[in-house]
């Protein structure tokens, strides 16, 4: 039995940044195009560097002058013309102008904006020749080699996940907006630290490799978390009914059929009402059995089948039995307690039988009973 949980998700790039101008000026050159893949270190934008180049040349001249002054002062000190503090002052002046030159060089470097990592260029917010200011957004850059997919999980499901000793075996899949499945299998990469007090949810992150670049930042889809439940007892939801918030099913048994039949033989059947069929399913280790049943005024007759033949008829007594649900899927229940693999349950027409009635039932194979259900049970 495969149990699948589905969650709406948001798809994000592993790295997604805004590329901003570090200096103001005219946008001189844009050597890349929107949607282009760029390598780390590739030039993306170049701001007109004329002012920065002139400033750098001036700082270089100051450095040369300070160097000459320092050399001359040191020569005079060696000739014992000036004192040691004069040399220290000249050395400090040289260090200061060198630092200013390095700062100007950095400003000039800021005029050329390079890709910090390999990624895809997004929309360009400014065109060549535009006057931009420091901090303006020029574009965004996305690293889509791995995608981070975020989805919200209710607290009860979170506790169930953490308590599962086999949670690493959960299959993580991504269903895209067109209903198709992304070909790569993901894994749970992280769980946020805090619950959202307004929604009662906590955010999970699933990581998916994206070698073909199919996924892009901002896409949506559904996360599918699937796990195999071995030897699970499952029954269709329509085979159950509810009384005061408790779930029940009708189980067909043979233990007390002999006494019931002896009682029935002592009474004449006055007439037959409309015959309605009920199906039940017998578990072969994973499913419960389905039957058909028809009622008379005094007792209920039924047609029963065994695994060898779906049309063989058999009689039994129906009993109401409370069941505890382990998990609810689209249209089936996973049973925690109340039923075992050998029980036979009434599938169709449960409103037409009563606890303790004798029925004649018809067996319906589990494959047929479950073939049209949304949740796969194998």
Protein backbone atom coordinates (compact mmCIF):
# COMPACT_ATOMS: atom_id res chain seq x y z
CA UNK A 1 0.00 0.00 0.00
CA UNK A 2 1.42 3.37 -1.02
CA UNK A 3 0.46 6.31 1.18
CA UNK A 4 0.94 9.70 -0.49
CA UNK A 5 0.64 13.15 1.06
CA UNK A 6 0.37 16.21 -1.18
CA UNK A 7 1.38 19.78 -0.35
CA UNK A 8 1.32 23.01 -2.37
CA UNK A 9 4.87 24.31 -2.81
CA UNK A 10 6.96 27.26 -3.99
CA UNK A 11 10.13 26.62 -6.01
CA UNK A 12 13.22 28.72 -5.35
CA UNK A 13 16.71 28.78 -6.80
CA UNK A 14 19.54 27.49 -4.66
CA UNK A 15 21.07 30.97 -4.96
CA UNK A 16 19.03 33.95 -6.12
CA UNK A 17 20.46 37.45 -5.69
CA UNK A 18 19.80 41.04 -6.75
CA UNK A 19 22.66 42.55 -8.73
CA UNK A 20 23.02 46.20 -7.66
CA UNK A 21 25.21 49.08 -8.74
CA UNK A 22 28.00 49.74 -6.24
CA UNK A 23 28.71 53.16 -7.71
CA UNK A 24 26.64 55.74 -9.54
CA UNK A 25 27.22 56.89 -13.10
CA UNK A 26 26.29 56.20 -16.72
CA UNK A 27 25.78 52.61 -17.73
CA UNK A 28 28.41 52.31 -20.42
CA UNK A 29 28.21 48.65 -21.47
CA UNK A 30 25.96 45.59 -21.00
CA UNK A 31 27.80 42.60 -22.53
CA UNK A 32 25.13 40.05 -21.46
CA UNK A 33 21.52 39.39 -22.49
CA UNK A 34 18.40 38.57 -20.52
CA UNK A 35 18.07 34.83 -19.90
CA UNK A 36 21.74 34.19 -20.68
CA UNK A 37 23.79 31.71 -18.68
CA UNK A 38 26.96 33.42 -17.38
CA UNK A 39 30.08 31.94 -15.83
CA UNK A 40 31.51 33.02 -12.50
CA UNK A 41 33.63 36.17 -12.99
CA UNK A 42 32.00 37.17 -16.29
CA UNK A 43 31.43 40.91 -16.75
CA UNK A 44 27.72 41.75 -16.66
CA UNK A 45 27.68 45.57 -16.49
CA UNK A 46 30.25 48.34 -16.84
CA UNK A 47 29.65 51.87 -15.56
CA UNK A 48 31.44 54.77 -17.30
CA UNK A 49 34.81 54.81 -15.48
CA UNK A 50 36.18 58.19 -16.68
CA UNK A 51 35.89 59.95 -13.31
CA UNK A 52 37.27 56.97 -11.41
CA UNK A 53 40.21 56.65 -13.78
CA UNK A 54 41.08 60.34 -13.41
CA UNK A 55 40.85 60.11 -9.65
CA UNK A 56 43.03 57.02 -9.65
CA UNK A 57 45.69 58.78 -11.76
CA UNK A 58 45.71 61.68 -9.29
CA UNK A 59 46.15 59.28 -6.36
CA UNK A 60 48.99 57.51 -8.13
CA UNK A 61 50.76 60.87 -8.56
CA UNK A 62 50.31 61.58 -4.83
CA UNK A 63 51.87 58.23 -4.04
CA UNK A 64 54.87 58.99 -6.26
CA UNK A 65 55.35 62.38 -4.57
CA UNK A 66 55.10 60.87 -1.09
CA UNK A 67 57.59 58.17 -2.09
CA UNK A 68 60.12 60.80 -3.25
CA UNK A 69 59.69 62.76 -0.01
CA UNK A 70 60.18 59.63 2.05
CA UNK A 71 63.34 58.63 0.14
CA UNK A 72 64.79 62.15 0.52
CA UNK A 73 64.00 62.28 4.26
CA UNK A 74 65.58 58.87 4.80
CA UNK A 75 68.73 60.01 2.93
CA UNK A 76 68.99 63.12 5.10
CA UNK A 77 68.53 61.01 8.21
CA UNK A 78 71.41 58.77 7.15
CA UNK A 79 73.52 61.92 6.78
CA UNK A 80 72.37 62.92 10.27
CA UNK A 81 70.75 66.06 8.92
CA UNK A 82 67.21 65.29 10.22
CA UNK A 83 66.01 63.39 13.25
CA UNK A 84 64.32 60.01 13.28
CA UNK A 85 60.75 61.47 13.75
CA UNK A 86 61.04 63.22 10.38
CA UNK A 87 61.49 59.83 8.69
CA UNK A 88 58.50 58.42 10.57
CA UNK A 89 56.30 61.32 9.40
CA UNK A 90 57.35 60.83 5.78
CA UNK A 91 56.67 57.10 6.04
CA UNK A 92 53.18 57.69 7.50
CA UNK A 93 52.35 60.15 4.72
CA UNK A 94 53.37 57.58 2.12
CA UNK A 95 51.19 54.90 3.73
CA UNK A 96 48.22 57.28 3.79
CA UNK A 97 48.35 58.16 0.11
CA UNK A 98 48.84 54.49 -0.81
CA UNK A 99 45.64 53.64 1.11
CA UNK A 100 43.75 56.37 -0.74
CA UNK A 101 45.01 55.00 -4.04
CA UNK A 102 43.81 51.51 -3.11
CA UNK A 103 40.37 52.91 -2.21
CA UNK A 104 40.14 54.69 -5.55
CA UNK A 105 41.20 51.48 -7.32
CA UNK A 106 38.36 49.65 -5.53
CA UNK A 107 35.88 52.31 -6.65
CA UNK A 108 37.09 51.86 -10.21
CA UNK A 109 36.69 48.10 -9.88
CA UNK A 110 33.13 48.65 -8.64
CA UNK A 111 32.36 50.21 -12.00
CA UNK A 112 32.74 46.75 -13.54
CA UNK A 113 30.12 44.36 -12.17
CA UNK A 114 30.99 40.67 -12.49
CA UNK A 115 29.00 37.51 -11.82
CA UNK A 116 29.74 36.15 -8.32
CA UNK A 117 28.67 32.63 -9.42
CA UNK A 118 27.44 30.77 -12.48
CA UNK A 119 23.78 31.46 -13.13
CA UNK A 120 21.03 32.84 -15.35
CA UNK A 121 20.56 36.55 -15.96
CA UNK A 122 17.01 37.80 -15.33
CA UNK A 123 15.30 40.94 -16.63
CA UNK A 124 17.55 43.99 -17.03
CA UNK A 125 16.13 46.97 -15.15
CA UNK A 126 18.31 49.59 -16.90
CA UNK A 127 19.49 49.92 -20.47
CA UNK A 128 22.81 51.07 -21.88
CA UNK A 129 23.32 54.81 -21.40
CA UNK A 130 21.04 55.06 -18.35
CA UNK A 131 22.16 57.21 -15.44
CA UNK A 132 22.10 55.01 -12.37
CA UNK A 133 22.67 55.67 -8.70
CA UNK A 134 24.53 53.66 -6.11
CA UNK A 135 22.35 50.76 -4.95
CA UNK A 136 20.10 50.60 -8.04
CA UNK A 137 18.99 47.08 -9.02
CA UNK A 138 20.40 46.17 -12.41
CA UNK A 139 19.13 42.56 -12.67
CA UNK A 140 18.87 39.32 -10.69
CA UNK A 141 21.08 36.26 -10.97
CA UNK A 142 19.83 32.72 -10.28
CA UNK A 143 21.82 29.55 -9.68
CA UNK A 144 19.40 26.80 -10.73
CA UNK A 145 21.71 23.82 -10.42
CA UNK A 146 19.78 22.79 -7.31
CA UNK A 147 16.26 23.95 -6.49
CA UNK A 148 14.89 24.54 -3.01
CA UNK A 149 11.20 23.70 -2.80
CA UNK A 150 9.30 25.01 0.22
CA UNK A 151 5.98 23.63 1.50
CA UNK A 152 3.99 23.98 4.72
CA UNK A 153 3.20 20.97 6.89
CA UNK A 154 0.54 20.91 9.66
CA UNK A 155 1.75 20.22 13.18
CA UNK A 156 0.15 16.75 13.34
CA UNK A 157 1.88 15.68 10.12
CA UNK A 158 5.18 17.14 11.39
CA UNK A 159 4.96 15.04 14.56
CA UNK A 160 4.09 11.98 12.47
CA UNK A 161 7.14 12.61 10.27
CA UNK A 162 9.52 13.03 13.22
CA UNK A 163 8.19 9.88 14.89
CA UNK A 164 8.67 7.75 11.77
CA UNK A 165 11.90 5.73 12.12
CA UNK A 166 11.90 5.14 8.35
CA UNK A 167 11.43 8.77 7.33
CA UNK A 168 14.62 8.68 5.28
CA UNK A 169 12.89 6.15 3.01
CA UNK A 170 10.07 8.55 2.13
CA UNK A 171 9.97 9.21 -1.61
CA UNK A 172 9.92 12.94 -2.37
CA UNK A 173 8.50 13.90 -5.77
CA UNK A 174 7.55 17.17 -7.42
CA UNK A 175 4.37 17.54 -9.45
CA UNK A 176 4.51 20.47 -11.85
CA UNK A 177 1.74 22.90 -12.76
CA UNK A 178 0.71 20.86 -15.83
CA UNK A 179 0.25 17.72 -13.72
CA UNK A 180 3.43 16.04 -14.90
CA UNK A 181 6.09 14.81 -12.48
CA UNK A 182 9.57 16.28 -12.40
CA UNK A 183 11.95 13.46 -13.40
CA UNK A 184 14.40 13.98 -10.53
CA UNK A 185 13.74 12.61 -7.03
CA UNK A 186 14.27 15.01 -4.16
CA UNK A 187 15.04 14.76 -0.47
CA UNK A 188 14.04 16.68 2.64
CA UNK A 189 16.81 19.23 3.08
CA UNK A 190 15.67 21.29 6.05
CA UNK A 191 12.84 22.08 8.45
CA UNK A 192 12.42 25.62 9.73
CA UNK A 193 12.95 26.35 13.42
CA UNK A 194 9.55 27.86 14.24
CA UNK A 195 5.88 27.13 13.65
CA UNK A 196 3.62 29.80 12.22
CA UNK A 197 1.30 30.58 15.12
CA UNK A 198 -1.41 31.88 12.81
CA UNK A 199 -1.62 28.80 10.57
CA UNK A 200 -0.21 26.09 12.83
CA UNK A 201 2.16 25.02 10.04
CA UNK A 202 5.90 24.62 9.80
CA UNK A 203 7.88 25.03 6.59
CA UNK A 204 9.78 22.09 5.09
CA UNK A 205 12.37 22.37 2.31
CA UNK A 206 12.90 19.68 -0.31
CA UNK A 207 16.05 19.79 -2.48
CA UNK A 208 15.91 18.72 -6.13
CA UNK A 209 18.82 18.49 -8.60
CA UNK A 210 18.03 20.40 -11.77
CA UNK A 211 20.57 19.20 -14.37
CA UNK A 212 18.47 20.15 -17.42
CA UNK A 213 17.45 23.56 -16.09
CA UNK A 214 13.73 22.81 -16.37
CA UNK A 215 12.89 24.40 -13.03
CA UNK A 216 13.11 28.17 -12.59
CA UNK A 217 12.89 30.44 -9.59
CA UNK A 218 9.30 31.32 -8.68
CA UNK A 219 7.55 28.27 -10.13
CA UNK A 220 4.80 26.50 -8.19
CA UNK A 221 3.71 22.89 -7.92
CA UNK A 222 2.88 20.14 -5.45
CA UNK A 223 5.20 18.09 -3.30
CA UNK A 224 4.28 14.39 -3.11
CA UNK A 225 5.56 12.47 -0.08
CA UNK A 226 5.07 8.73 -0.62
CA UNK A 227 5.82 5.82 1.63
CA UNK A 228 5.13 2.09 1.34
CA UNK A 229 2.92 0.66 4.09
CA UNK A 230 3.50 -3.08 4.23
CA UNK A 231 0.72 -5.52 5.20
CA UNK A 232 -1.71 -2.67 5.73
CA UNK A 233 -5.42 -3.38 6.18
CA UNK A 234 -7.39 -0.95 4.02
CA UNK A 235 -11.10 -0.63 3.29
CA UNK A 236 -13.08 1.76 1.09
CA UNK A 237 -14.54 4.66 3.03
CA UNK A 238 -18.00 3.88 1.68
CA UNK A 239 -17.94 0.57 3.61
CA UNK A 240 -18.05 2.47 6.92
CA UNK A 241 -20.57 4.55 8.79
CA UNK A 242 -20.37 6.89 11.75
CA UNK A 243 -22.28 7.03 15.04
CA UNK A 244 -21.45 9.75 17.56
CA UNK A 245 -18.07 10.45 15.96
CA UNK A 246 -17.11 6.76 15.99
CA UNK A 247 -16.48 4.69 12.88
CA UNK A 248 -18.12 1.30 12.31
CA UNK A 249 -18.22 -1.42 9.67
CA UNK A 250 -20.46 -4.47 9.23
CA UNK A 251 -18.53 -7.74 9.50
CA UNK A 252 -20.03 -10.93 8.06
CA UNK A 253 -19.39 -14.02 10.20
CA UNK A 254 -20.37 -17.71 10.24
CA UNK A 255 -19.87 -18.62 13.91
CA UNK A 256 -23.45 -18.15 14.94
CA UNK A 257 -24.99 -18.90 11.54
CA UNK A 258 -26.13 -22.43 12.57
CA UNK A 259 -28.24 -21.17 15.45
CA UNK A 260 -29.66 -18.42 13.27
CA UNK A 261 -30.57 -20.86 10.49
CA UNK A 262 -32.32 -23.20 12.98
CA UNK A 263 -34.34 -20.25 14.19
CA UNK A 264 -35.17 -19.23 10.64
CA UNK A 265 -36.36 -22.72 9.69
CA UNK A 266 -39.04 -22.53 12.41
CA UNK A 267 -40.61 -19.51 10.74
CA UNK A 268 -42.32 -19.34 7.37
CA UNK A 269 -41.18 -16.63 5.11
CA UNK A 270 -44.17 -14.37 4.60
CA UNK A 271 -42.89 -12.64 1.52
CA UNK A 272 -39.91 -11.05 -0.06
CA UNK A 273 -39.33 -7.37 -0.45
CA UNK A 274 -37.13 -5.66 -2.99
CA UNK A 275 -33.77 -7.31 -3.33
CA UNK A 276 -30.72 -5.12 -3.02
CA UNK A 277 -27.15 -6.15 -3.41
CA UNK A 278 -24.29 -5.52 -1.04
CA UNK A 279 -20.66 -6.22 -1.78
CA UNK A 280 -17.95 -7.14 0.65
CA UNK A 281 -14.27 -7.76 0.36
CA UNK A 282 -12.10 -10.36 2.10
CA UNK A 283 -8.54 -9.52 3.06
CA UNK A 284 -5.72 -11.57 1.60
CA UNK A 285 -3.25 -9.84 3.87
CA UNK A 286 -3.84 -6.34 2.61
CA UNK A 287 -7.54 -5.84 1.82
CA UNK A 288 -10.95 -6.65 3.26
CA UNK A 289 -13.54 -8.70 1.27
CA UNK A 290 -16.61 -7.30 -0.50
CA UNK A 291 -20.08 -8.90 -0.81
CA UNK A 292 -23.63 -8.52 -2.17
CA UNK A 293 -26.68 -9.05 -0.02
CA UNK A 294 -30.49 -9.17 -0.46
CA UNK A 295 -33.11 -8.85 2.28
CA UNK A 296 -36.42 -10.55 3.07
CA UNK A 297 -39.00 -9.33 5.58
CA UNK A 298 -37.92 -11.88 8.20
CA UNK A 299 -34.19 -12.11 7.49
CA UNK A 300 -31.58 -11.04 4.96
CA UNK A 301 -30.37 -13.47 2.32
CA UNK A 302 -27.08 -12.87 0.56
CA UNK A 303 -24.94 -14.14 -2.27
CA UNK A 304 -21.33 -14.75 -1.29
CA UNK A 305 -18.21 -15.43 -3.21
CA UNK A 306 -14.92 -16.96 -2.31
CA UNK A 307 -11.52 -16.31 -3.82
CA UNK A 308 -12.10 -19.20 -6.23
CA UNK A 309 -15.35 -17.81 -7.62
CA UNK A 310 -16.93 -14.39 -7.41
CA UNK A 311 -20.44 -15.81 -7.89
CA UNK A 312 -20.54 -18.61 -5.30
CA UNK A 313 -23.21 -17.94 -2.65
CA UNK A 314 -22.82 -18.22 1.09
CA UNK A 315 -24.69 -17.14 4.21
CA UNK A 316 -23.57 -15.31 7.30
CA UNK A 317 -24.58 -12.99 10.12
CA UNK A 318 -23.62 -9.31 10.01
CA UNK A 319 -22.26 -7.68 13.15
CA UNK A 320 -21.54 -4.05 13.82
CA UNK A 321 -17.91 -3.50 14.75
CA UNK A 322 -16.13 -0.34 15.80
CA UNK A 323 -12.93 0.44 13.89
CA UNK A 324 -10.04 2.78 14.66
CA UNK A 325 -8.62 4.67 11.69
CA UNK A 326 -4.84 4.90 11.37
CA UNK A 327 -4.83 7.15 8.31
CA UNK A 328 -7.43 8.62 5.97
CA UNK A 329 -6.58 8.84 2.29
CA UNK A 330 -8.72 10.10 -0.61
CA UNK A 331 -11.33 7.35 -0.51
CA UNK A 332 -9.92 4.58 1.68
CA UNK A 333 -9.20 4.13 5.37
CA UNK A 334 -6.10 2.46 6.81
CA UNK A 335 -7.27 0.45 9.77
CA UNK A 336 -5.42 0.55 13.09
CA UNK A 337 -7.68 -1.77 15.09
CA UNK A 338 -11.09 -3.40 14.72
CA UNK A 339 -10.52 -5.57 11.65
CA UNK A 340 -8.07 -8.28 10.71
CA UNK A 341 -7.07 -9.90 7.45
CA UNK A 342 -9.67 -12.65 7.67
CA UNK A 343 -12.73 -10.44 8.24
CA UNK A 344 -15.38 -10.00 5.59
CA UNK A 345 -17.13 -6.64 5.48
CA UNK A 346 -20.26 -5.33 3.78
CA UNK A 347 -19.24 -2.92 1.02
CA UNK A 348 -22.44 -1.82 -0.72
CA UNK A 349 -25.81 -1.01 0.82
CA UNK A 350 -24.73 -0.81 4.44
CA UNK A 351 -27.86 1.24 5.19
CA UNK A 352 -30.05 -1.76 4.35
CA UNK A 353 -28.69 -4.20 6.97
CA UNK A 354 -28.91 -4.30 10.75
CA UNK A 355 -26.69 -5.74 13.42
CA UNK A 356 -27.40 -9.45 13.87
CA UNK A 357 -29.20 -9.98 10.55
CA UNK A 358 -28.63 -13.07 8.45
CA UNK A 359 -27.45 -12.24 4.94
CA UNK A 360 -26.70 -14.09 1.77
CA UNK A 361 -23.67 -12.45 0.25
CA UNK A 362 -21.67 -12.46 -2.95
CA UNK A 363 -17.91 -12.14 -2.91
CA UNK A 364 -16.26 -9.28 -4.80
CA UNK A 365 -12.53 -9.60 -5.42
CA UNK A 366 -10.40 -6.93 -3.70
CA UNK A 367 -8.89 -5.95 -7.06
CA UNK A 368 -12.36 -5.09 -8.39
CA UNK A 369 -13.42 -3.33 -5.21
CA UNK A 370 -10.37 -1.07 -5.21
CA UNK A 371 -9.71 -0.63 -8.92
CA UNK A 372 -11.64 2.64 -9.26
CA UNK A 373 -10.33 4.29 -6.09
CA UNK A 374 -7.98 7.26 -6.16
CA UNK A 375 -5.45 5.86 -3.69
CA UNK A 376 -3.47 2.89 -5.07
CA UNK A 377 -3.46 -0.21 -2.88
CA UNK A 378 -1.41 -3.12 -4.09
